[in-house]
C-alpha atoms as a PDB file:
ATOM      1  CA  MET A   1     128.078 163.676 121.735  1.00  0.00           C
ATOM      2  CA  THR A   2     124.356 162.433 121.123  1.00  0.00           C
ATOM      3  CA  ASN A   3     122.413 163.671 118.170  1.00  0.00           C
ATOM      4  CA  VAL A   4     118.913 165.104 118.172  1.00  0.00           C
ATOM      5  CA  ALA A   5     116.488 166.014 116.214  1.00  0.00           C
ATOM      6  CA  VAL A   6     113.325 167.878 116.879  1.00  0.00           C
ATOM      7  CA  VAL A   7     110.363 167.263 115.346  1.00  0.00           C
ATOM      8  CA  GLY A   8     107.898 170.205 115.593  1.00  0.00           C
ATOM      9  CA  SER A   9     109.360 173.576 115.364  1.00  0.00           C
ATOM     10  CA  GLY A  10     106.814 176.103 116.067  1.00  0.00           C
ATOM     11  CA  HIS A  11     105.753 178.071 119.400  1.00  0.00           C
ATOM     12  CA  TRP A  12     107.243 175.317 121.877  1.00  0.00           C
ATOM     13  CA  GLY A  13     109.159 173.484 119.672  1.00  0.00           C
ATOM     14  CA  ALA A  14     111.145 176.670 118.606  1.00  0.00           C
ATOM     15  CA  GLN A  15     112.148 176.744 122.613  1.00  0.00           C
ATOM     16  CA  LEU A  16     113.388 172.955 122.277  1.00  0.00           C
ATOM     17  CA  VAL A  17     115.470 173.851 118.721  1.00  0.00           C
ATOM     18  CA  ARG A  18     117.440 176.684 121.077  1.00  0.00           C
ATOM     19  CA  ASN A  19     117.978 174.774 123.901  1.00  0.00           C
ATOM     20  CA  PHE A  20     119.439 171.599 122.058  1.00  0.00           C
ATOM     21  CA  ALA A  21     121.547 173.854 119.850  1.00  0.00           C
ATOM     22  CA  GLU A  22     122.891 175.595 122.735  1.00  0.00           C
ATOM     23  CA  LEU A  23     123.604 172.408 124.203  1.00  0.00           C
ATOM     24  CA  GLY A  24     125.491 171.193 121.313  1.00  0.00           C
ATOM     25  CA  ALA A  25     123.106 168.564 120.663  1.00  0.00           C
ATOM     26  CA  LEU A  26     121.008 169.743 117.663  1.00  0.00           C
ATOM     27  CA  ALA A  27     121.141 167.907 114.353  1.00  0.00           C
ATOM     28  CA  TRP A  28     118.023 168.094 112.310  1.00  0.00           C
ATOM     29  CA  ILE A  29     114.837 170.184 112.582  1.00  0.00           C
ATOM     30  CA  CYS A  30     111.627 168.968 110.926  1.00  0.00           C
ATOM     31  CA  ASP A  31     108.618 170.607 110.376  1.00  0.00           C
ATOM     32  CA  ALA A  32     106.002 170.866 107.466  1.00  0.00           C
ATOM     33  CA  ASP A  33     106.375 174.784 107.400  1.00  0.00           C
ATOM     34  CA  GLU A  34     108.991 175.925 105.061  1.00  0.00           C
ATOM     35  CA  GLY A  35     109.014 179.031 106.305  1.00  0.00           C
ATOM     36  CA  LEU A  36     109.789 178.026 109.474  1.00  0.00           C
ATOM     37  CA  LEU A  37     112.424 175.702 108.327  1.00  0.00           C
ATOM     38  CA  ALA A  38     114.110 178.225 106.413  1.00  0.00           C
ATOM     39  CA  LYS A  39     113.908 180.594 109.501  1.00  0.00           C
ATOM     40  CA  HIS A  40     115.506 178.063 111.608  1.00  0.00           C
ATOM     41  CA  ALA A  41     118.384 177.219 108.927  1.00  0.00           C
ATOM     42  CA  SER A  42     119.347 181.259 109.399  1.00  0.00           C
ATOM     43  CA  ASN A  43     119.717 180.929 112.533  1.00  0.00           C
ATOM     44  CA  HIS A  44     121.096 177.528 113.156  1.00  0.00           C
ATOM     45  CA  PRO A  45     123.704 177.012 110.463  1.00  0.00           C
ATOM     46  CA  GLY A  46     124.755 173.463 109.977  1.00  0.00           C
ATOM     47  CA  VAL A  47     121.852 171.888 111.400  1.00  0.00           C
ATOM     48  CA  ARG A  48     119.958 170.037 108.951  1.00  0.00           C
ATOM     49  CA  VAL A  49     116.605 170.766 107.651  1.00  0.00           C
ATOM     50  CA  THR A  50     113.406 168.797 106.367  1.00  0.00           C
ATOM     51  CA  PRO A  51     110.001 168.872 106.064  1.00  0.00           C
ATOM     52  CA  ARG A  52     109.790 165.187 105.613  1.00  0.00           C
ATOM     53  CA  ILE A  53     110.396 162.971 109.086  1.00  0.00           C
ATOM     54  CA  ASP A  54     111.574 159.903 107.118  1.00  0.00           C
ATOM     55  CA  GLU A  55     114.766 161.833 105.962  1.00  0.00           C
ATOM     56  CA  VAL A  56     115.236 161.958 109.533  1.00  0.00           C
ATOM     57  CA  LEU A  57     114.350 158.362 110.820  1.00  0.00           C
ATOM     58  CA  SER A  58     116.713 157.011 108.600  1.00  0.00           C
ATOM     59  CA  ASP A  59     119.678 158.841 109.195  1.00  0.00           C
ATOM     60  CA  ALA A  60     121.815 156.364 111.480  1.00  0.00           C
ATOM     61  CA  GLY A  61     123.538 159.417 112.833  1.00  0.00           C
ATOM     62  CA  VAL A  62     120.559 160.839 114.945  1.00  0.00           C
ATOM     63  CA  ASP A  63     120.320 159.085 117.944  1.00  0.00           C
ATOM     64  CA  ALA A  64     117.411 160.783 119.706  1.00  0.00           C
ATOM     65  CA  VAL A  65     113.987 162.357 118.366  1.00  0.00           C
ATOM     66  CA  VAL A  66     112.193 165.281 120.120  1.00  0.00           C
ATOM     67  CA  VAL A  67     108.654 165.125 118.973  1.00  0.00           C
ATOM     68  CA  SER A  68     106.851 168.242 119.475  1.00  0.00           C
ATOM     69  CA  THR A  69     104.340 168.253 117.166  1.00  0.00           C
ATOM     70  CA  PRO A  70     100.362 168.902 117.627  1.00  0.00           C
ATOM     71  CA  ALA A  71      98.813 166.675 120.504  1.00  0.00           C
ATOM     72  CA  GLU A  72      97.458 164.068 118.303  1.00  0.00           C
ATOM     73  CA  MET A  73     100.086 163.399 116.371  1.00  0.00           C
ATOM     74  CA  HIS A  74     102.413 162.410 119.747  1.00  0.00           C
ATOM     75  CA  ALA A  75     101.505 158.670 119.619  1.00  0.00           C
ATOM     76  CA  PRO A  76     101.944 157.909 115.983  1.00  0.00           C
ATOM     77  CA  MET A  77     105.248 159.852 115.983  1.00  0.00           C
ATOM     78  CA  ALA A  78     106.717 158.331 119.531  1.00  0.00           C
ATOM     79  CA  LYS A  79     106.000 155.090 117.956  1.00  0.00           C
ATOM     80  CA  ALA A  80     107.558 155.873 114.455  1.00  0.00           C
ATOM     81  CA  VAL A  81     110.447 156.873 116.451  1.00  0.00           C
ATOM     82  CA  LEU A  82     111.052 154.004 118.138  1.00  0.00           C
ATOM     83  CA  ALA A  83     110.419 151.574 115.658  1.00  0.00           C
ATOM     84  CA  ALA A  84     113.460 153.467 113.670  1.00  0.00           C
ATOM     85  CA  GLY A  85     115.594 152.086 116.708  1.00  0.00           C
ATOM     86  CA  LYS A  86     116.074 155.740 118.152  1.00  0.00           C
ATOM     87  CA  ASP A  87     115.437 157.017 121.655  1.00  0.00           C
ATOM     88  CA  VAL A  88     112.164 159.566 122.036  1.00  0.00           C
ATOM     89  CA  PHE A  89     111.636 162.787 123.722  1.00  0.00           C
ATOM     90  CA  VAL A  90     108.011 163.311 123.613  1.00  0.00           C
ATOM     91  CA  GLU A  91     105.993 166.190 124.627  1.00  0.00           C
ATOM     92  CA  LYS A  92     102.963 166.502 127.044  1.00  0.00           C
ATOM     93  CA  PRO A  93     100.879 164.614 126.684  1.00  0.00           C
ATOM     94  CA  LEU A  94     102.265 160.943 125.678  1.00  0.00           C
ATOM     95  CA  ALA A  95      99.096 160.229 124.181  1.00  0.00           C
ATOM     96  CA  LEU A  96      95.396 161.210 123.914  1.00  0.00           C
ATOM     97  CA  ARG A  97      94.541 157.544 125.275  1.00  0.00           C
ATOM     98  CA  TYR A  98      95.987 155.820 128.288  1.00  0.00           C
ATOM     99  CA  LYS A  99      96.062 152.474 126.324  1.00  0.00           C
ATOM    100  CA  GLU A 100      98.095 153.769 123.597  1.00  0.00           C
ATOM    101  CA  GLY A 101     100.275 155.542 126.125  1.00  0.00           C
ATOM    102  CA  GLN A 102     101.015 151.931 127.136  1.00  0.00           C
ATOM    103  CA  GLU A 103     101.339 150.690 123.308  1.00  0.00           C
ATOM    104  CA  ILE A 104     104.396 153.218 123.446  1.00  0.00           C
ATOM    105  CA  ALA A 105     105.652 152.486 126.517  1.00  0.00           C
ATOM    106  CA  GLY A 106     105.847 148.558 125.935  1.00  0.00           C
ATOM    107  CA  LEU A 107     107.618 149.568 122.551  1.00  0.00           C
ATOM    108  CA  ALA A 108     110.284 151.257 124.260  1.00  0.00           C
ATOM    109  CA  ASP A 109     110.903 148.639 126.579  1.00  0.00           C
ATOM    110  CA  GLY A 110     110.946 146.060 124.041  1.00  0.00           C
ATOM    111  CA  ARG A 111     113.505 147.927 122.458  1.00  0.00           C
ATOM    112  CA  GLY A 112     115.517 149.175 125.269  1.00  0.00           C
ATOM    113  CA  ALA A 113     114.543 152.555 124.155  1.00  0.00           C
ATOM    114  CA  ILE A 114     114.803 155.948 126.404  1.00  0.00           C
ATOM    115  CA  LEU A 115     111.279 157.176 126.459  1.00  0.00           C
ATOM    116  CA  MET A 116     111.284 160.628 128.423  1.00  0.00           C
ATOM    117  CA  VAL A 117     107.851 162.852 128.503  1.00  0.00           C
ATOM    118  CA  GLY A 118     108.132 166.403 128.482  1.00  0.00           C
ATOM    119  CA  HIS A 119     106.606 167.607 131.963  1.00  0.00           C
ATOM    120  CA  LEU A 120     108.299 170.522 132.084  1.00  0.00           C
ATOM    121  CA  LEU A 121     107.236 171.577 135.797  1.00  0.00           C
ATOM    122  CA  GLU A 122     109.248 168.547 137.405  1.00  0.00           C
ATOM    123  CA  TYR A 123     112.556 170.082 136.402  1.00  0.00           C
ATOM    124  CA  HIS A 124     112.090 173.745 137.564  1.00  0.00           C
ATOM    125  CA  PRO A 125     114.348 174.389 140.408  1.00  0.00           C
ATOM    126  CA  ALA A 126     111.427 175.345 142.849  1.00  0.00           C
ATOM    127  CA  VAL A 127     109.471 172.035 142.261  1.00  0.00           C
ATOM    128  CA  VAL A 128     112.718 170.059 142.924  1.00  0.00           C
ATOM    129  CA  LYS A 129     113.281 171.680 146.376  1.00  0.00           C
ATOM    130  CA  LEU A 130     109.439 171.563 147.397  1.00  0.00           C
ATOM    131  CA  ARG A 131     109.695 167.947 146.665  1.00  0.00           C
ATOM    132  CA  GLU A 132     112.763 167.869 149.108  1.00  0.00           C
ATOM    133  CA  ILE A 133     110.713 170.022 151.392  1.00  0.00           C
ATOM    134  CA  VAL A 134     107.797 167.673 151.680  1.00  0.00           C
ATOM    135  CA  ALA A 135     109.652 164.391 151.376  1.00  0.00           C
ATOM    136  CA  SER A 136     111.670 165.753 154.736  1.00  0.00           C
ATOM    137  CA  GLY A 137     108.486 166.205 156.847  1.00  0.00           C
ATOM    138  CA  ASP A 138     109.074 169.851 157.579  1.00  0.00           C
ATOM    139  CA  LEU A 139     105.109 170.429 156.295  1.00  0.00           C
ATOM    140  CA  GLY A 140     104.083 167.487 158.543  1.00  0.00           C
ATOM    141  CA  ARG A 141     101.563 165.172 156.730  1.00  0.00           C
ATOM    142  CA  VAL A 142     100.205 166.950 153.661  1.00  0.00           C
ATOM    143  CA  ARG A 143      96.185 167.001 153.808  1.00  0.00           C
ATOM    144  CA  TYR A 144      95.793 169.299 150.633  1.00  0.00           C
ATOM    145  CA  VAL A 145      97.177 170.882 147.792  1.00  0.00           C
ATOM    146  CA  TYR A 146      95.630 172.977 145.425  1.00  0.00           C
ATOM    147  CA  SER A 147      97.138 174.590 141.944  1.00  0.00           C
ATOM    148  CA  ASN A 148      95.766 177.245 139.586  1.00  0.00           C
ATOM    149  CA  ARG A 149      96.944 177.617 136.212  1.00  0.00           C
ATOM    150  CA  LEU A 150      95.493 180.650 134.871  1.00  0.00           C
ATOM    151  CA  ASN A 151      96.048 183.174 131.615  1.00  0.00           C
ATOM    152  CA  LEU A 152      94.051 184.789 128.751  1.00  0.00           C
ATOM    153  CA  GLY A 153      95.217 183.110 125.726  1.00  0.00           C
ATOM    154  CA  ARG A 154      96.648 180.984 123.687  1.00  0.00           C
ATOM    155  CA  VAL A 155      93.326 179.446 122.648  1.00  0.00           C
ATOM    156  CA  ARG A 156      93.909 176.190 121.088  1.00  0.00           C
ATOM    157  CA  GLN A 157      91.621 174.707 118.532  1.00  0.00           C
ATOM    158  CA  ARG A 158      92.869 170.901 118.636  1.00  0.00           C
ATOM    159  CA  GLU A 159      92.930 170.267 122.394  1.00  0.00           C
ATOM    160  CA  ASN A 160      90.668 171.584 125.383  1.00  0.00           C
ATOM    161  CA  ILE A 161      92.285 173.287 128.595  1.00  0.00           C
ATOM    162  CA  LEU A 162      92.455 170.422 130.428  1.00  0.00           C
ATOM    163  CA  TRP A 163      94.693 168.610 128.074  1.00  0.00           C
ATOM    164  CA  SER A 164      96.608 171.558 127.243  1.00  0.00           C
ATOM    165  CA  PHE A 165      97.491 172.928 131.039  1.00  0.00           C
ATOM    166  CA  ALA A 166      96.640 170.280 133.399  1.00  0.00           C
ATOM    167  CA  PRO A 167      99.235 167.805 132.717  1.00  0.00           C
ATOM    168  CA  HIS A 168     101.990 170.075 134.373  1.00  0.00           C
ATOM    169  CA  ASP A 169      99.942 169.935 137.735  1.00  0.00           C
ATOM    170  CA  ILE A 170      98.828 166.665 137.602  1.00  0.00           C
ATOM    171  CA  SER A 171     102.489 165.200 137.341  1.00  0.00           C
ATOM    172  CA  VAL A 172     103.606 167.895 140.478  1.00  0.00           C
ATOM    173  CA  LEU A 173     100.844 166.933 142.397  1.00  0.00           C
ATOM    174  CA  SER A 174     101.382 163.181 142.128  1.00  0.00           C
ATOM    175  CA  GLY A 175     105.161 163.490 142.572  1.00  0.00           C
ATOM    176  CA  LEU A 176     104.907 165.431 145.776  1.00  0.00           C
ATOM    177  CA  LEU A 177     102.099 162.946 147.336  1.00  0.00           C
ATOM    178  CA  GLY A 178     103.888 160.156 146.028  1.00  0.00           C
ATOM    179  CA  ALA A 179     100.709 158.379 144.573  1.00  0.00           C
ATOM    180  CA  GLU A 180      98.116 158.601 142.050  1.00  0.00           C
ATOM    181  CA  PRO A 181      94.504 159.653 143.166  1.00  0.00           C
ATOM    182  CA  LEU A 182      92.068 157.241 143.610  1.00  0.00           C
ATOM    183  CA  SER A 183      89.090 159.105 141.587  1.00  0.00           C
ATOM    184  CA  VAL A 184      88.649 162.859 139.829  1.00  0.00           C
ATOM    185  CA  SER A 185      85.725 164.409 139.143  1.00  0.00           C
ATOM    186  CA  THR A 186      86.072 167.625 136.466  1.00  0.00           C
ATOM    187  CA  ALA A 187      83.868 170.376 135.608  1.00  0.00           C
ATOM    188  CA  GLY A 188      84.268 173.028 133.480  1.00  0.00           C
ATOM    189  CA  GLY A 189      82.712 175.017 130.260  1.00  0.00           C
ATOM    190  CA  ALA A 190      82.880 175.645 126.517  1.00  0.00           C
ATOM    191  CA  TYR A 191      82.434 179.457 125.646  1.00  0.00           C
ATOM    192  CA  LEU A 192      84.707 180.181 122.943  1.00  0.00           C
ATOM    193  CA  GLN A 193      84.313 177.021 120.646  1.00  0.00           C
ATOM    194  CA  ASP A 194      81.750 174.487 121.027  1.00  0.00           C
ATOM    195  CA  ASP A 195      83.011 170.809 122.674  1.00  0.00           C
ATOM    196  CA  ILE A 196      87.100 172.730 123.638  1.00  0.00           C
ATOM    197  CA  ALA A 197      86.770 173.338 126.919  1.00  0.00           C
ATOM    198  CA  ASP A 198      88.512 176.873 127.976  1.00  0.00           C
ATOM    199  CA  VAL A 199      88.020 176.660 131.872  1.00  0.00           C
ATOM    200  CA  THR A 200      88.017 173.383 134.136  1.00  0.00           C
ATOM    201  CA  VAL A 201      88.262 172.620 137.933  1.00  0.00           C
ATOM    202  CA  THR A 202      89.393 168.824 138.318  1.00  0.00           C
ATOM    203  CA  ASN A 203      89.036 167.629 142.058  1.00  0.00           C
ATOM    204  CA  LEU A 204      91.415 164.948 143.211  1.00  0.00           C
ATOM    205  CA  ALA A 205      90.943 162.136 146.079  1.00  0.00           C
ATOM    206  CA  PHE A 206      94.046 160.164 147.052  1.00  0.00           C
ATOM    207  CA  ALA A 207      94.297 157.672 149.830  1.00  0.00           C
ATOM    208  CA  GLU A 208      93.948 158.604 153.785  1.00  0.00           C
ATOM    209  CA  GLY A 209      91.548 161.834 153.131  1.00  0.00           C
ATOM    210  CA  VAL A 210      94.280 163.788 151.083  1.00  0.00           C
ATOM    211  CA  ARG A 211      92.829 166.189 148.377  1.00  0.00           C
ATOM    212  CA  ALA A 212      93.576 168.377 145.520  1.00  0.00           C
ATOM    213  CA  HIS A 213      92.398 170.916 143.092  1.00  0.00           C
ATOM    214  CA  ILE A 214      93.509 171.919 139.618  1.00  0.00           C
ATOM    215  CA  PHE A 215      92.124 174.943 138.373  1.00  0.00           C
ATOM    216  CA  VAL A 216      93.125 175.716 134.883  1.00  0.00           C
ATOM    217  CA  SER A 217      91.505 178.490 132.401  1.00  0.00           C
ATOM    218  CA  TRP A 218      93.080 180.160 129.304  1.00  0.00           C
ATOM    219  CA  LEU A 219      89.600 182.473 129.656  1.00  0.00           C
ATOM    220  CA  HIS A 220      90.972 184.437 132.562  1.00  0.00           C
ATOM    221  CA  PRO A 221      91.489 188.268 133.246  1.00  0.00           C
ATOM    222  CA  HIS A 222      95.070 187.803 134.495  1.00  0.00           C
ATOM    223  CA  LYS A 223      97.420 185.564 134.465  1.00  0.00           C
ATOM    224  CA  GLU A 224      98.693 183.230 137.529  1.00  0.00           C
ATOM    225  CA  ALA A 225     100.775 180.009 137.964  1.00  0.00           C
ATOM    226  CA  LYS A 226     100.884 179.173 141.563  1.00  0.00           C
ATOM    227  CA  LEU A 227     100.739 175.670 143.702  1.00  0.00           C
ATOM    228  CA  VAL A 228      99.687 175.320 147.480  1.00  0.00           C
ATOM    229  CA  VAL A 229     100.685 172.850 149.762  1.00  0.00           C
ATOM    230  CA  ILE A 230      98.698 172.522 152.926  1.00  0.00           C
ATOM    231  CA  GLY A 231     100.709 170.664 155.653  1.00  0.00           C
ATOM    232  CA  ASP A 232      99.457 169.864 159.095  1.00  0.00           C
ATOM    233  CA  ARG A 233     102.391 171.799 160.383  1.00  0.00           C
ATOM    234  CA  LYS A 234     103.194 174.246 157.798  1.00  0.00           C
ATOM    235  CA  MET A 235     102.325 175.400 154.466  1.00  0.00           C
ATOM    236  CA  ALA A 236     104.351 176.358 151.242  1.00  0.00           C
ATOM    237  CA  VAL A 237     103.724 178.583 148.095  1.00  0.00           C
ATOM    238  CA  PHE A 238     105.378 178.325 144.643  1.00  0.00           C
ATOM    239  CA  ASP A 239     104.531 180.824 142.453  1.00  0.00           C
ATOM    240  CA  ASP A 240     105.933 180.539 139.595  1.00  0.00           C
ATOM    241  CA  LEU A 241     105.275 184.221 138.615  1.00  0.00           C
ATOM    242  CA  SER A 242     106.774 186.157 141.312  1.00  0.00           C
ATOM    243  CA  GLU A 243     109.493 188.366 141.219  1.00  0.00           C
ATOM    244  CA  GLU A 244     110.735 188.131 144.673  1.00  0.00           C
ATOM    245  CA  GLY A 245     111.113 184.831 145.219  1.00  0.00           C
ATOM    246  CA  LYS A 246     108.974 181.528 143.628  1.00  0.00           C
ATOM    247  CA  LEU A 247     109.106 179.338 146.667  1.00  0.00           C
ATOM    248  CA  THR A 248     108.225 180.308 150.557  1.00  0.00           C
ATOM    249  CA  VAL A 249     107.584 178.130 153.495  1.00  0.00           C
ATOM    250  CA  LEU A 250     104.655 179.193 155.914  1.00  0.00           C
ATOM    251  CA  ASP A 251     104.458 178.749 159.308  1.00  0.00           C
ATOM    252  CA  LYS A 252     100.929 178.990 159.305  1.00  0.00           C
ATOM    253  CA  GLY A 253      97.866 177.157 160.626  1.00  0.00           C
ATOM    254  CA  ILE A 254      95.301 176.316 162.735  1.00  0.00           C
ATOM    255  CA  ASP A 255      96.063 175.780 166.776  1.00  0.00           C
ATOM    256  CA  TRP A 256      93.187 174.592 169.109  1.00  0.00           C
ATOM    257  CA  LYS A 257      93.454 177.076 172.424  1.00  0.00           C
ATOM    258  CA  GLU A 258      90.580 175.960 174.880  1.00  0.00           C
ATOM    259  CA  GLY A 259      88.861 173.928 172.790  1.00  0.00           C
ATOM    260  CA  LEU A 260      88.370 176.755 170.244  1.00  0.00           C
ATOM    261  CA  PRO A 261      90.423 177.112 166.664  1.00  0.00           C
ATOM    262  CA  VAL A 262      92.979 180.076 166.416  1.00  0.00           C
ATOM    263  CA  ALA A 263      94.792 180.893 163.414  1.00  0.00           C
ATOM    264  CA  ARG A 264      98.352 180.857 163.578  1.00  0.00           C
ATOM    265  CA  GLU A 265      99.838 183.765 161.648  1.00  0.00           C
ATOM    266  CA  THR A 266     103.707 184.040 161.180  1.00  0.00           C
ATOM    267  CA  GLU A 267     105.955 185.816 158.267  1.00  0.00           C
ATOM    268  CA  GLY A 268     106.629 183.354 155.086  1.00  0.00           C
ATOM    269  CA  GLU A 269     110.096 182.119 154.721  1.00  0.00           C
ATOM    270  CA  PRO A 270     111.614 182.425 151.211  1.00  0.00           C
ATOM    271  CA  ILE A 271     113.315 179.599 149.889  1.00  0.00           C
ATOM    272  CA  PRO A 272     116.623 180.024 147.926  1.00  0.00           C
ATOM    273  CA  VAL A 273     116.244 177.727 144.646  1.00  0.00           C
ATOM    274  CA  GLY A 274     118.622 177.527 141.531  1.00  0.00           C
ATOM    275  CA  ASP A 275     117.939 179.793 138.731  1.00  0.00           C
ATOM    276  CA  GLU A 276     118.470 177.378 135.640  1.00  0.00           C
ATOM    277  CA  GLU A 277     115.838 177.714 133.295  1.00  0.00           C
ATOM    278  CA  PRO A 278     113.438 174.432 133.467  1.00  0.00           C
ATOM    279  CA  LEU A 279     113.403 173.538 130.023  1.00  0.00           C
ATOM    280  CA  ARG A 280     117.221 173.727 129.777  1.00  0.00           C
ATOM    281  CA  ALA A 281     117.459 171.589 132.824  1.00  0.00           C
ATOM    282  CA  GLU A 282     114.875 168.634 131.149  1.00  0.00           C
ATOM    283  CA  CYS A 283     116.889 168.760 127.790  1.00  0.00           C
ATOM    284  CA  ARG A 284     120.173 168.362 129.857  1.00  0.00           C
ATOM    285  CA  HIS A 285     118.403 165.613 131.581  1.00  0.00           C
ATOM    286  CA  PHE A 286     117.310 163.985 128.415  1.00  0.00           C
ATOM    287  CA  LEU A 287     120.827 164.073 126.570  1.00  0.00           C
ATOM    288  CA  GLU A 288     122.309 162.599 130.171  1.00  0.00           C
ATOM    289  CA  CYS A 289     119.466 159.359 129.840  1.00  0.00           C
ATOM    290  CA  VAL A 290     120.458 158.970 126.563  1.00  0.00           C
ATOM    291  CA  GLU A 291     124.284 159.145 126.929  1.00  0.00           C
ATOM    292  CA  GLN A 292     124.435 156.862 130.059  1.00  0.00           C
ATOM    293  CA  ARG A 293     121.422 154.786 129.739  1.00  0.00           C
ATOM    294  CA  ARG A 294     119.254 155.612 132.524  1.00  0.00           C
ATOM    295  CA  ARG A 295     115.974 156.133 133.158  1.00  0.00           C
ATOM    296  CA  PRO A 296     114.379 159.751 132.985  1.00  0.00           C
ATOM    297  CA  LEU A 297     112.897 161.186 136.066  1.00  0.00           C
ATOM    298  CA  THR A 298     109.928 161.728 133.682  1.00  0.00           C
ATOM    299  CA  ASP A 299     109.971 158.541 132.011  1.00  0.00           C
ATOM    300  CA  ALA A 300     107.053 156.113 130.651  1.00  0.00           C
ATOM    301  CA  ASP A 301     105.660 155.332 134.132  1.00  0.00           C
ATOM    302  CA  ASN A 302     105.522 159.157 134.652  1.00  0.00           C
ATOM    303  CA  GLY A 303     103.400 159.545 131.298  1.00  0.00           C
ATOM    304  CA  LEU A 304     101.424 156.735 131.935  1.00  0.00           C
ATOM    305  CA  SER A 305     100.141 158.085 135.523  1.00  0.00           C
ATOM    306  CA  VAL A 306      99.484 161.613 134.061  1.00  0.00           C
ATOM    307  CA  LEU A 307      97.365 160.483 131.012  1.00  0.00           C
ATOM    308  CA  LYS A 308      95.367 157.849 133.267  1.00  0.00           C
ATOM    309  CA  VAL A 309      94.387 160.778 135.463  1.00  0.00           C
ATOM    310  CA  LEU A 310      93.858 163.235 131.892  1.00  0.00           C
ATOM    311  CA  GLU A 311      91.581 160.512 130.746  1.00  0.00           C
ATOM    312  CA  ALA A 312      89.633 159.912 134.044  1.00  0.00           C
ATOM    313  CA  SER A 313      89.152 163.580 134.196  1.00  0.00           C
ATOM    314  CA  GLN A 314      88.049 163.993 130.104  1.00  0.00           C
ATOM    315  CA  MET A 315      85.160 161.108 131.221  1.00  0.00           C
ATOM    316  CA  SER A 316      84.355 162.920 134.428  1.00  0.00           C
ATOM    317  CA  LEU A 317      83.883 166.096 132.307  1.00  0.00           C
ATOM    318  CA  ASP A 318      81.986 164.246 129.655  1.00  0.00           C
ATOM    319  CA  ARG A 319      79.739 163.097 132.439  1.00  0.00           C
ATOM    320  CA  GLY A 320      78.800 166.458 133.967  1.00  0.00           C
ATOM    321  CA  GLY A 321      81.852 166.068 136.646  1.00  0.00           C
ATOM    322  CA  GLU A 322      80.410 162.677 137.911  1.00  0.00           C
ATOM    323  CA  PRO A 323      83.308 161.242 139.725  1.00  0.00           C
ATOM    324  CA  VAL A 324      85.371 158.645 137.746  1.00  0.00           C
ATOM    325  CA  PHE A 325      87.797 156.140 139.780  1.00  0.00           C
ATOM    326  CA  LEU A 326      91.093 155.520 137.829  1.00  0.00           C
ATOM    327  CA  THR A 327      90.315 151.896 137.729  1.00  0.00           C
ATOM    328  CA  GLU A 328      87.521 152.422 134.902  1.00  0.00           C
ATOM    329  CA  VAL A 329      90.618 153.891 132.912  1.00  0.00           C
ATOM    330  CA  GLU A 330      92.766 150.979 133.614  1.00  0.00           C
ATOM    331  CA  SER A 331      90.334 148.295 132.516  1.00  0.00           C
ATOM    332  CA  ALA A 332      88.453 149.924 129.605  1.00  0.00           C
ATOM    333  CA  LEU A 333      89.121 148.171 126.455  1.00  0.00           C
ATOM    334  CA  PRO A 334      91.864 149.183 123.614  1.00  0.00           C
ATOM    335  CA  VAL A 335      90.338 151.737 120.729  1.00  0.00           C
END
């Protein structure tokens, strides 16, 4: 059995601790908060706890480390884990700069290590099924995709809404369309804290005229987590908050009759999907990849692709919504 250490056990890290413990793989919990460590030690007898990362990295019995620290610590933590000869699962985003993400990926490749990035939605049963539907051609050619991820709180003080919420949607969009966007333009506003955007809208331009947009906000009166895919034959809706069914395919569109556009309205078809917790599926996948030495679904390439779009989006946001081509990120000099 793979022995895993979780580094960073706060709000989201606690969920990773729970899942790896239930999967029988949790060996260590590392956190600077002694109060959190005491709580985890009480909940998980037999699991070692420490505020010192060097204790974890020097333990030859630890096979892999899960990094769930604040985002600015992801890159240095991932590098330290890989340098210690261990596999690593890094929560999103992989790093805060594309070039630094490339360094991490190169280090993992050079050491033959497993590197996985926590793009959780890729493991959601409804998204897995939606990928199959899009790939089958049932929707026809995909023309447009949009995603809304909205809530009131949790407001971050270190990263803006783009870096906090949008990585999930960028990963899913690129996976569904099988390509990265050519360019992005992002506009938004900082209303609660100077220079930390609370709301952003990102428009993504793909090849062959395919478009998408991502609307994210933690300053919204109601919670929404919805992805809509518009094909030239049918449409699909993934509503993660729906109690009645999270995935629906609709035979809706526009037909031309006597030279005039006429809306085609039919009832939606609910699509059955599995009910496994996405985080459980993600953690289990990581353990399987470590044990079988195979590349994860959300591997270094996936993490770098998302990071490239994020950095281009941030550049556009900083420039007042000016479109930015992803090639500009690729050609930028390391910092």
